C-alpha atoms as a PDB file:
ATOM      1  CA  MET A   1      -6.354  12.068   2.093  1.00  0.00           C
ATOM      2  CA  SER A   2      -5.398  14.959   4.267  1.00  0.00           C
ATOM      3  CA  LYS A   3      -1.905  16.450   4.250  1.00  0.00           C
ATOM      4  CA  LYS A   4      -1.292  15.144   7.776  1.00  0.00           C
ATOM      5  CA  THR A   5      -2.041  11.603   6.670  1.00  0.00           C
ATOM      6  CA  GLU A   6       0.151  11.880   3.577  1.00  0.00           C
ATOM      7  CA  TYR A   7       3.019  13.315   5.647  1.00  0.00           C
ATOM      8  CA  LEU A   8       2.698  10.480   8.167  1.00  0.00           C
ATOM      9  CA  ILE A   9       2.761   7.852   5.408  1.00  0.00           C
ATOM     10  CA  VAL A  10       5.904   9.357   3.866  1.00  0.00           C
ATOM     11  CA  THR A  11       7.605   9.739   7.249  1.00  0.00           C
ATOM     12  CA  SER A  12       6.902   6.214   8.466  1.00  0.00           C
ATOM     13  CA  THR A  13       7.884   4.693   5.110  1.00  0.00           C
ATOM     14  CA  GLY A  14      11.130   6.672   5.091  1.00  0.00           C
ATOM     15  CA  LEU A  15      11.883   5.640   8.656  1.00  0.00           C
ATOM     16  CA  LEU A  16      11.253   2.012   7.759  1.00  0.00           C
ATOM     17  CA  LEU A  17      13.640   2.267   4.794  1.00  0.00           C
ATOM     18  CA  VAL A  18      16.321   3.858   6.978  1.00  0.00           C
ATOM     19  CA  TYR A  19      15.857   1.099   9.558  1.00  0.00           C
ATOM     20  CA  THR A  20      16.171  -1.588   6.880  1.00  0.00           C
ATOM     21  CA  VAL A  21      19.404  -0.123   5.509  1.00  0.00           C
ATOM     22  CA  LEU A  22      20.950   0.523   8.914  1.00  0.00           C
ATOM     23  CA  ALA A  23      20.093  -2.990  10.131  1.00  0.00           C
ATOM     24  CA  ALA A  24      22.421  -4.399   7.472  1.00  0.00           C
ATOM     25  CA  LEU A  25      25.307  -2.167   8.552  1.00  0.00           C
ATOM     26  CA  PRO A  26      27.560  -2.750  11.571  1.00  0.00           C
ATOM     27  CA  ILE A  27      25.842  -0.272  13.907  1.00  0.00           C
ATOM     28  CA  THR A  28      25.278  -0.627  17.635  1.00  0.00           C
ATOM     29  CA  PHE A  29      22.391  -2.782  18.781  1.00  0.00           C
ATOM     30  CA  ALA A  30      20.901   0.035  20.861  1.00  0.00           C
ATOM     31  CA  LEU A  31      20.396   2.261  17.804  1.00  0.00           C
ATOM     32  CA  ILE A  32      18.894  -0.560  15.757  1.00  0.00           C
ATOM     33  CA  PHE A  33      16.556  -1.490  18.603  1.00  0.00           C
ATOM     34  CA  LEU A  34      15.492   2.143  19.031  1.00  0.00           C
ATOM     35  CA  LEU A  35      14.727   2.401  15.323  1.00  0.00           C
ATOM     36  CA  PHE A  36      12.803  -0.875  15.510  1.00  0.00           C
ATOM     37  CA  LEU A  37      10.615   0.533  18.291  1.00  0.00           C
ATOM     38  CA  ALA A  38      10.164   3.828  16.431  1.00  0.00           C
ATOM     39  CA  THR A  39       9.102   2.104  13.210  1.00  0.00           C
ATOM     40  CA  SER A  40       6.598  -0.019  15.134  1.00  0.00           C
ATOM     41  CA  VAL A  41       5.068   3.040  16.793  1.00  0.00           C
ATOM     42  CA  PHE A  42       4.973   5.002  13.532  1.00  0.00           C
ATOM     43  CA  THR A  43       3.375   2.082  11.668  1.00  0.00           C
ATOM     44  CA  ILE A  44       0.614   1.698  14.264  1.00  0.00           C
ATOM     45  CA  TRP A  45       0.074   5.468  14.310  1.00  0.00           C
ATOM     46  CA  MET A  46      -0.085   5.504  10.496  1.00  0.00           C
ATOM     47  CA  VAL A  47      -2.697   2.718  10.374  1.00  0.00           C
ATOM     48  CA  ILE A  48      -4.886   4.404  12.991  1.00  0.00           C
ATOM     49  CA  THR A  49      -4.618   7.756  11.196  1.00  0.00           C
ATOM     50  CA  ILE A  50      -5.544   6.229   7.831  1.00  0.00           C
ATOM     51  CA  LEU A  51      -8.545   4.431   9.305  1.00  0.00           C
ATOM     52  CA  LYS A  52      -9.783   7.590  11.048  1.00  0.00           C
ATOM     53  CA  ASP A  53      -9.289   9.841   7.995  1.00  0.00           C
ATOM     54  CA  LYS A  54     -12.686  11.293   7.062  1.00  0.00           C
ATOM     55  CA  THR A  55     -11.733  13.146   3.862  1.00  0.00           C
ATOM     56  CA  ASN A  56     -13.077  11.981   0.484  1.00  0.00           C
ATOM     57  CA  LEU A  57     -15.491   9.394   1.833  1.00  0.00           C
ATOM     58  CA  SER A  58     -17.477   7.494  -0.760  1.00  0.00           C
ATOM     59  CA  SER A  59     -21.248   7.389  -0.800  1.00  0.00           C
ATOM     60  CA  LYS A  60     -21.201   3.703  -1.835  1.00  0.00           C
ATOM     61  CA  LYS A  61     -22.322   1.265   0.842  1.00  0.00           C
ATOM     62  CA  PHE A  62     -21.415  -2.407   1.234  1.00  0.00           C
ATOM     63  CA  ASP A  63     -25.050  -3.453   0.858  1.00  0.00           C
ATOM     64  CA  ASP A  64     -25.169  -1.935  -2.640  1.00  0.00           C
ATOM     65  CA  PHE A  65     -21.624  -2.470  -3.936  1.00  0.00           C
ATOM     66  CA  PHE A  66     -19.270  -5.257  -2.901  1.00  0.00           C
ATOM     67  CA  TYR A  67     -16.188  -3.305  -4.003  1.00  0.00           C
ATOM     68  CA  GLU A  68     -16.011   0.474  -3.706  1.00  0.00           C
ATOM     69  CA  ASP A  69     -14.227   0.930  -7.024  1.00  0.00           C
ATOM     70  CA  SER A  70     -16.656  -1.317  -8.923  1.00  0.00           C
ATOM     71  CA  GLY A  71     -19.683   0.020 -10.736  1.00  0.00           C
ATOM     72  CA  ILE A  72     -21.404  -3.362 -10.618  1.00  0.00           C
ATOM     73  CA  GLN A  73     -24.167  -3.508  -8.047  1.00  0.00           C
ATOM     74  CA  ARG A  74     -24.822  -6.512  -5.849  1.00  0.00           C
ATOM     75  CA  SER A  75     -27.764  -8.699  -6.756  1.00  0.00           C
ATOM     76  CA  LYS A  76     -30.420  -8.909  -4.110  1.00  0.00           C
END
């Protein structure tokens, strides 16, 4: 994974944890709603970034191996 992707994962996870903690505290609705929208945007951005990440691609194909981390080949 690239550094940008790792940074985005850490940032969005941290923001989600902050949102979860602050939602349990008596804080204004506007701040909680803003954090809810921010976590949604960051989560979607994180998923798109992870799916588009081209670093460390495997040479295994689905036709040959059912699971990427398995050494067992598919029977034909």
